[in-house]
PDB file of N, CA and C in Angstrom:
ATOM      1  N   UNK A   1     -66.162 -11.367 -55.149  1.00  0.00           N
ATOM      2  CA  UNK A   1     -65.587 -10.247 -55.864  1.00  0.00           C
ATOM      3  C   UNK A   1     -66.576  -9.033 -55.615  1.00  0.00           C
ATOM      4  N   UNK A   2     -65.932  -7.880 -55.315  1.00  0.00           N
ATOM      5  CA  UNK A   2     -66.673  -6.709 -54.966  1.00  0.00           C
ATOM      6  C   UNK A   2     -67.427  -6.202 -56.268  1.00  0.00           C
ATOM      7  N   UNK A   3     -68.720  -5.631 -55.983  1.00  0.00           N
ATOM      8  CA  UNK A   3     -69.499  -5.081 -57.034  1.00  0.00           C
ATOM      9  C   UNK A   3     -68.977  -3.658 -57.437  1.00  0.00           C
ATOM     10  N   UNK A   4     -69.479  -3.081 -58.522  1.00  0.00           N
ATOM     11  CA  UNK A   4     -69.062  -1.778 -58.872  1.00  0.00           C
ATOM     12  C   UNK A   4     -69.492  -0.780 -57.754  1.00  0.00           C
ATOM     13  N   UNK A   5     -70.739  -0.884 -57.212  1.00  0.00           N
ATOM     14  CA  UNK A   5     -71.230  -0.006 -56.191  1.00  0.00           C
ATOM     15  C   UNK A   5     -70.333  -0.191 -54.910  1.00  0.00           C
ATOM     16  N   UNK A   6     -69.952  -1.366 -54.475  1.00  0.00           N
ATOM     17  CA  UNK A   6     -69.046  -1.562 -53.382  1.00  0.00           C
ATOM     18  C   UNK A   6     -67.739  -0.837 -53.647  1.00  0.00           C
ATOM     19  N   UNK A   7     -67.158  -0.983 -54.730  1.00  0.00           N
ATOM     20  CA  UNK A   7     -65.966  -0.477 -55.050  1.00  0.00           C
ATOM     21  C   UNK A   7     -66.007   1.146 -55.027  1.00  0.00           C
ATOM     22  N   UNK A   8     -67.080   1.652 -55.552  1.00  0.00           N
ATOM     23  CA  UNK A   8     -67.312   3.182 -55.527  1.00  0.00           C
ATOM     24  C   UNK A   8     -67.371   3.640 -54.097  1.00  0.00           C
ATOM     25  N   UNK A   9     -68.031   2.879 -53.186  1.00  0.00           N
ATOM     26  CA  UNK A   9     -68.210   3.280 -51.739  1.00  0.00           C
ATOM     27  C   UNK A   9     -66.897   3.157 -51.089  1.00  0.00           C
ATOM     28  N   UNK A  10     -66.026   2.122 -51.382  1.00  0.00           N
ATOM     29  CA  UNK A  10     -64.693   1.988 -50.791  1.00  0.00           C
ATOM     30  C   UNK A  10     -63.761   3.134 -51.259  1.00  0.00           C
ATOM     31  N   UNK A  11     -63.821   3.461 -52.599  1.00  0.00           N
ATOM     32  CA  UNK A  11     -63.054   4.477 -53.214  1.00  0.00           C
ATOM     33  C   UNK A  11     -63.397   5.852 -52.499  1.00  0.00           C
ATOM     34  N   UNK A  12     -64.685   6.064 -52.349  1.00  0.00           N
ATOM     35  CA  UNK A  12     -64.963   7.319 -51.741  1.00  0.00           C
ATOM     36  C   UNK A  12     -64.562   7.460 -50.278  1.00  0.00           C
ATOM     37  N   UNK A  13     -64.685   6.391 -49.540  1.00  0.00           N
ATOM     38  CA  UNK A  13     -64.201   6.335 -48.180  1.00  0.00           C
ATOM     39  C   UNK A  13     -62.737   6.593 -48.035  1.00  0.00           C
ATOM     40  N   UNK A  14     -61.902   5.933 -48.803  1.00  0.00           N
ATOM     41  CA  UNK A  14     -60.476   5.975 -48.664  1.00  0.00           C
ATOM     42  C   UNK A  14     -60.052   7.270 -49.309  1.00  0.00           C
ATOM     43  N   UNK A  15     -60.640   7.757 -50.314  1.00  0.00           N
ATOM     44  CA  UNK A  15     -60.207   9.117 -50.939  1.00  0.00           C
ATOM     45  C   UNK A  15     -60.537  10.200 -49.987  1.00  0.00           C
ATOM     46  N   UNK A  16     -61.684  10.148 -49.223  1.00  0.00           N
ATOM     47  CA  UNK A  16     -61.975  11.145 -48.289  1.00  0.00           C
ATOM     48  C   UNK A  16     -61.061  11.154 -47.047  1.00  0.00           C
ATOM     49  N   UNK A  17     -60.731   9.930 -46.716  1.00  0.00           N
ATOM     50  CA  UNK A  17     -59.808   9.749 -45.596  1.00  0.00           C
ATOM     51  C   UNK A  17     -58.347  10.351 -46.007  1.00  0.00           C
ATOM     52  N   UNK A  18     -57.956  10.063 -47.158  1.00  0.00           N
ATOM     53  CA  UNK A  18     -56.692  10.577 -47.672  1.00  0.00           C
ATOM     54  C   UNK A  18     -56.669  12.096 -47.767  1.00  0.00           C
ATOM     55  N   UNK A  19     -57.833  12.612 -48.336  1.00  0.00           N
ATOM     56  CA  UNK A  19     -57.970  14.058 -48.352  1.00  0.00           C
ATOM     57  C   UNK A  19     -57.836  14.733 -47.067  1.00  0.00           C
ATOM     58  N   UNK A  20     -58.666  14.261 -46.028  1.00  0.00           N
ATOM     59  CA  UNK A  20     -58.532  14.809 -44.756  1.00  0.00           C
ATOM     60  C   UNK A  20     -57.306  14.719 -44.066  1.00  0.00           C
ATOM     61  N   UNK A  21     -56.497  13.668 -44.268  1.00  0.00           N
ATOM     62  CA  UNK A  21     -55.154  13.518 -43.726  1.00  0.00           C
ATOM     63  C   UNK A  21     -54.261  14.456 -44.410  1.00  0.00           C
ATOM     64  N   UNK A  22     -54.367  14.693 -45.690  1.00  0.00           N
ATOM     65  CA  UNK A  22     -53.520  15.759 -46.355  1.00  0.00           C
ATOM     66  C   UNK A  22     -53.850  17.128 -45.749  1.00  0.00           C
ATOM     67  N   UNK A  23     -54.998  17.459 -45.506  1.00  0.00           N
ATOM     68  CA  UNK A  23     -55.445  18.759 -44.958  1.00  0.00           C
ATOM     69  C   UNK A  23     -54.802  19.046 -43.614  1.00  0.00           C
ATOM     70  N   UNK A  24     -54.669  17.852 -42.868  1.00  0.00           N
ATOM     71  CA  UNK A  24     -54.052  17.924 -41.520  1.00  0.00           C
ATOM     72  C   UNK A  24     -52.495  17.852 -41.603  1.00  0.00           C
ATOM     73  N   UNK A  25     -52.036  17.651 -42.759  1.00  0.00           N
ATOM     74  CA  UNK A  25     -50.507  17.542 -42.892  1.00  0.00           C
ATOM     75  C   UNK A  25     -50.085  16.210 -42.499  1.00  0.00           C
ATOM     76  N   UNK A  26     -50.785  15.183 -42.432  1.00  0.00           N
ATOM     77  CA  UNK A  26     -50.497  13.769 -42.046  1.00  0.00           C
ATOM     78  C   UNK A  26     -50.332  13.080 -43.360  1.00  0.00           C
ATOM     79  N   UNK A  27     -49.075  13.206 -43.934  1.00  0.00           N
ATOM     80  CA  UNK A  27     -48.924  12.805 -45.343  1.00  0.00           C
ATOM     81  C   UNK A  27     -48.714  11.348 -45.357  1.00  0.00           C
ATOM     82  N   UNK A  28     -48.112  10.687 -44.347  1.00  0.00           N
ATOM     83  CA  UNK A  28     -47.956   9.215 -44.255  1.00  0.00           C
ATOM     84  C   UNK A  28     -49.335   8.564 -44.332  1.00  0.00           C
ATOM     85  N   UNK A  29     -50.225   9.024 -43.492  1.00  0.00           N
ATOM     86  CA  UNK A  29     -51.620   8.430 -43.561  1.00  0.00           C
ATOM     87  C   UNK A  29     -52.298   8.675 -44.893  1.00  0.00           C
ATOM     88  N   UNK A  30     -52.071   9.909 -45.387  1.00  0.00           N
ATOM     89  CA  UNK A  30     -52.667  10.218 -46.750  1.00  0.00           C
ATOM     90  C   UNK A  30     -52.171   9.289 -47.835  1.00  0.00           C
ATOM     91  N   UNK A  31     -50.817   9.066 -47.763  1.00  0.00           N
ATOM     92  CA  UNK A  31     -50.234   8.224 -48.867  1.00  0.00           C
ATOM     93  C   UNK A  31     -50.808   6.821 -48.767  1.00  0.00           C
ATOM     94  N   UNK A  32     -50.956   6.317 -47.626  1.00  0.00           N
ATOM     95  CA  UNK A  32     -51.431   4.883 -47.340  1.00  0.00           C
ATOM     96  C   UNK A  32     -52.885   4.957 -47.777  1.00  0.00           C
ATOM     97  N   UNK A  33     -53.637   5.921 -47.475  1.00  0.00           N
ATOM     98  CA  UNK A  33     -55.016   5.899 -47.892  1.00  0.00           C
ATOM     99  C   UNK A  33     -55.259   6.064 -49.382  1.00  0.00           C
ATOM    100  N   UNK A  34     -54.393   6.869 -50.121  1.00  0.00           N
ATOM    101  CA  UNK A  34     -54.400   6.957 -51.565  1.00  0.00           C
ATOM    102  C   UNK A  34     -54.113   5.635 -52.173  1.00  0.00           C
ATOM    103  N   UNK A  35     -53.085   4.919 -51.548  1.00  0.00           N
ATOM    104  CA  UNK A  35     -52.764   3.663 -52.069  1.00  0.00           C
ATOM    105  C   UNK A  35     -53.998   2.651 -51.970  1.00  0.00           C
ATOM    106  N   UNK A  36     -54.606   2.654 -50.825  1.00  0.00           N
ATOM    107  CA  UNK A  36     -55.794   1.683 -50.744  1.00  0.00           C
ATOM    108  C   UNK A  36     -56.952   2.222 -51.651  1.00  0.00           C
ATOM    109  N   UNK A  37     -57.073   3.507 -51.752  1.00  0.00           N
ATOM    110  CA  UNK A  37     -58.145   3.990 -52.687  1.00  0.00           C
ATOM    111  C   UNK A  37     -57.921   3.546 -54.085  1.00  0.00           C
ATOM    112  N   UNK A  38     -56.552   3.563 -54.392  1.00  0.00           N
ATOM    113  CA  UNK A  38     -56.146   3.037 -55.751  1.00  0.00           C
ATOM    114  C   UNK A  38     -56.608   1.622 -56.138  1.00  0.00           C
ATOM    115  N   UNK A  39     -56.700   0.780 -55.060  1.00  0.00           N
ATOM    116  CA  UNK A  39     -57.048  -0.687 -55.388  1.00  0.00           C
ATOM    117  C   UNK A  39     -58.388  -0.810 -55.727  1.00  0.00           C
ATOM    118  N   UNK A  40     -59.273   0.185 -55.427  1.00  0.00           N
ATOM    119  CA  UNK A  40     -60.742   0.085 -55.772  1.00  0.00           C
ATOM    120  C   UNK A  40     -61.251   1.254 -56.627  1.00  0.00           C
ATOM    121  N   UNK A  41     -60.222   1.917 -57.266  1.00  0.00           N
ATOM    122  CA  UNK A  41     -60.552   3.111 -58.120  1.00  0.00           C
ATOM    123  C   UNK A  41     -60.880   2.603 -59.434  1.00  0.00           C
ATOM    124  N   UNK A  42     -61.773   3.402 -60.138  1.00  0.00           N
ATOM    125  CA  UNK A  42     -62.113   3.213 -61.471  1.00  0.00           C
ATOM    126  C   UNK A  42     -60.763   3.487 -62.391  1.00  0.00           C
ATOM    127  N   UNK A  43     -60.748   3.035 -63.533  1.00  0.00           N
ATOM    128  CA  UNK A  43     -59.617   3.308 -64.353  1.00  0.00           C
ATOM    129  C   UNK A  43     -59.414   4.781 -64.464  1.00  0.00           C
ATOM    130  N   UNK A  44     -60.529   5.596 -64.625  1.00  0.00           N
ATOM    131  CA  UNK A  44     -60.405   7.047 -64.626  1.00  0.00           C
ATOM    132  C   UNK A  44     -59.737   7.725 -63.418  1.00  0.00           C
ATOM    133  N   UNK A  45     -59.872   7.109 -62.232  1.00  0.00           N
ATOM    134  CA  UNK A  45     -59.378   7.735 -60.926  1.00  0.00           C
ATOM    135  C   UNK A  45     -58.088   7.154 -60.592  1.00  0.00           C
ATOM    136  N   UNK A  46     -57.595   6.030 -61.218  1.00  0.00           N
ATOM    137  CA  UNK A  46     -56.347   5.459 -60.837  1.00  0.00           C
ATOM    138  C   UNK A  46     -55.148   6.461 -60.956  1.00  0.00           C
ATOM    139  N   UNK A  47     -55.040   7.216 -61.958  1.00  0.00           N
ATOM    140  CA  UNK A  47     -53.931   8.134 -62.156  1.00  0.00           C
ATOM    141  C   UNK A  47     -54.009   9.216 -61.047  1.00  0.00           C
ATOM    142  N   UNK A  48     -55.139   9.641 -60.789  1.00  0.00           N
ATOM    143  CA  UNK A  48     -55.337  10.666 -59.587  1.00  0.00           C
ATOM    144  C   UNK A  48     -54.749   9.996 -58.320  1.00  0.00           C
ATOM    145  N   UNK A  49     -55.125   8.848 -57.935  1.00  0.00           N
ATOM    146  CA  UNK A  49     -54.692   8.280 -56.739  1.00  0.00           C
ATOM    147  C   UNK A  49     -53.129   8.082 -56.717  1.00  0.00           C
ATOM    148  N   UNK A  50     -52.545   7.684 -57.895  1.00  0.00           N
ATOM    149  CA  UNK A  50     -51.071   7.524 -57.949  1.00  0.00           C
ATOM    150  C   UNK A  50     -50.416   8.965 -57.853  1.00  0.00           C
ATOM    151  N   UNK A  51     -50.940   9.922 -58.353  1.00  0.00           N
ATOM    152  CA  UNK A  51     -50.377  11.208 -58.359  1.00  0.00           C
ATOM    153  C   UNK A  51     -50.466  11.796 -56.923  1.00  0.00           C
ATOM    154  N   UNK A  52     -51.589  11.696 -56.238  1.00  0.00           N
ATOM    155  CA  UNK A  52     -51.874  12.207 -54.923  1.00  0.00           C
ATOM    156  C   UNK A  52     -50.899  11.342 -54.026  1.00  0.00           C
ATOM    157  N   UNK A  53     -50.762  10.044 -54.118  1.00  0.00           N
ATOM    158  CA  UNK A  53     -49.841   9.328 -53.386  1.00  0.00           C
ATOM    159  C   UNK A  53     -48.443   9.693 -53.370  1.00  0.00           C
ATOM    160  N   UNK A  54     -47.954   9.987 -54.650  1.00  0.00           N
ATOM    161  CA  UNK A  54     -46.680  10.491 -55.020  1.00  0.00           C
ATOM    162  C   UNK A  54     -46.381  11.834 -54.278  1.00  0.00           C
ATOM    163  N   UNK A  55     -47.366  12.730 -54.362  1.00  0.00           N
ATOM    164  CA  UNK A  55     -47.236  14.058 -53.780  1.00  0.00           C
ATOM    165  C   UNK A  55     -47.085  13.858 -52.271  1.00  0.00           C
ATOM    166  N   UNK A  56     -47.827  13.066 -51.749  1.00  0.00           N
ATOM    167  CA  UNK A  56     -47.750  12.897 -50.216  1.00  0.00           C
ATOM    168  C   UNK A  56     -46.349  12.222 -49.862  1.00  0.00           C
ATOM    169  N   UNK A  57     -45.876  11.249 -50.554  1.00  0.00           N
ATOM    170  CA  UNK A  57     -44.599  10.691 -50.328  1.00  0.00           C
ATOM    171  C   UNK A  57     -43.510  11.765 -50.482  1.00  0.00           C
ATOM    172  N   UNK A  58     -43.596  12.645 -51.504  1.00  0.00           N
ATOM    173  CA  UNK A  58     -42.695  13.708 -51.612  1.00  0.00           C
ATOM    174  C   UNK A  58     -42.703  14.714 -50.451  1.00  0.00           C
ATOM    175  N   UNK A  59     -43.938  15.000 -50.039  1.00  0.00           N
ATOM    176  CA  UNK A  59     -44.105  15.966 -48.923  1.00  0.00           C
ATOM    177  C   UNK A  59     -43.614  15.402 -47.609  1.00  0.00           C
ATOM    178  N   UNK A  60     -43.546  14.040 -47.522  1.00  0.00           N
ATOM    179  CA  UNK A  60     -42.932  13.474 -46.260  1.00  0.00           C
ATOM    180  C   UNK A  60     -41.387  13.729 -46.369  1.00  0.00           C
ATOM    181  N   UNK A  61     -40.813  13.798 -47.421  1.00  0.00           N
ATOM    182  CA  UNK A  61     -39.389  13.879 -47.630  1.00  0.00           C
ATOM    183  C   UNK A  61     -38.954  15.395 -47.709  1.00  0.00           C
ATOM    184  N   UNK A  62     -39.781  16.191 -48.457  1.00  0.00           N
ATOM    185  CA  UNK A  62     -39.417  17.593 -48.664  1.00  0.00           C
ATOM    186  C   UNK A  62     -40.622  18.490 -48.639  1.00  0.00           C
ATOM    187  N   UNK A  63     -41.084  18.807 -47.447  1.00  0.00           N
ATOM    188  CA  UNK A  63     -42.288  19.705 -47.245  1.00  0.00           C
ATOM    189  C   UNK A  63     -42.142  20.973 -47.811  1.00  0.00           C
ATOM    190  N   UNK A  64     -43.052  21.752 -48.230  1.00  0.00           N
ATOM    191  CA  UNK A  64     -43.033  23.077 -48.607  1.00  0.00           C
ATOM    192  C   UNK A  64     -42.720  23.951 -47.320  1.00  0.00           C
ATOM    193  N   UNK A  65     -42.006  24.987 -47.617  1.00  0.00           N
ATOM    194  CA  UNK A  65     -41.561  25.848 -46.569  1.00  0.00           C
ATOM    195  C   UNK A  65     -42.659  26.785 -46.053  1.00  0.00           C
ATOM    196  N   UNK A  66     -43.623  27.150 -46.970  1.00  0.00           N
ATOM    197  CA  UNK A  66     -44.738  28.076 -46.707  1.00  0.00           C
ATOM    198  C   UNK A  66     -44.351  29.542 -46.535  1.00  0.00           C
ATOM    199  N   UNK A  67     -43.240  29.885 -47.143  1.00  0.00           N
ATOM    200  CA  UNK A  67     -42.821  31.307 -47.153  1.00  0.00           C
ATOM    201  C   UNK A  67     -43.223  32.056 -48.252  1.00  0.00           C
TER     202      UNK A  67
END
């Protein structure tokens, strides 16, 4: 079983990967990374991961027009 510190490091890795993918407009990769981050997130961060994943899934279907 992973320790608290290992989970923190995994969460940081996957949340940074997700954030970077979002910035590049790669919402599929971002959604997958947020889902992975969710698996090792603290209770406090779980809602954030779910919300970001849902945002990315929505952006894959209906992106903002930017007008």
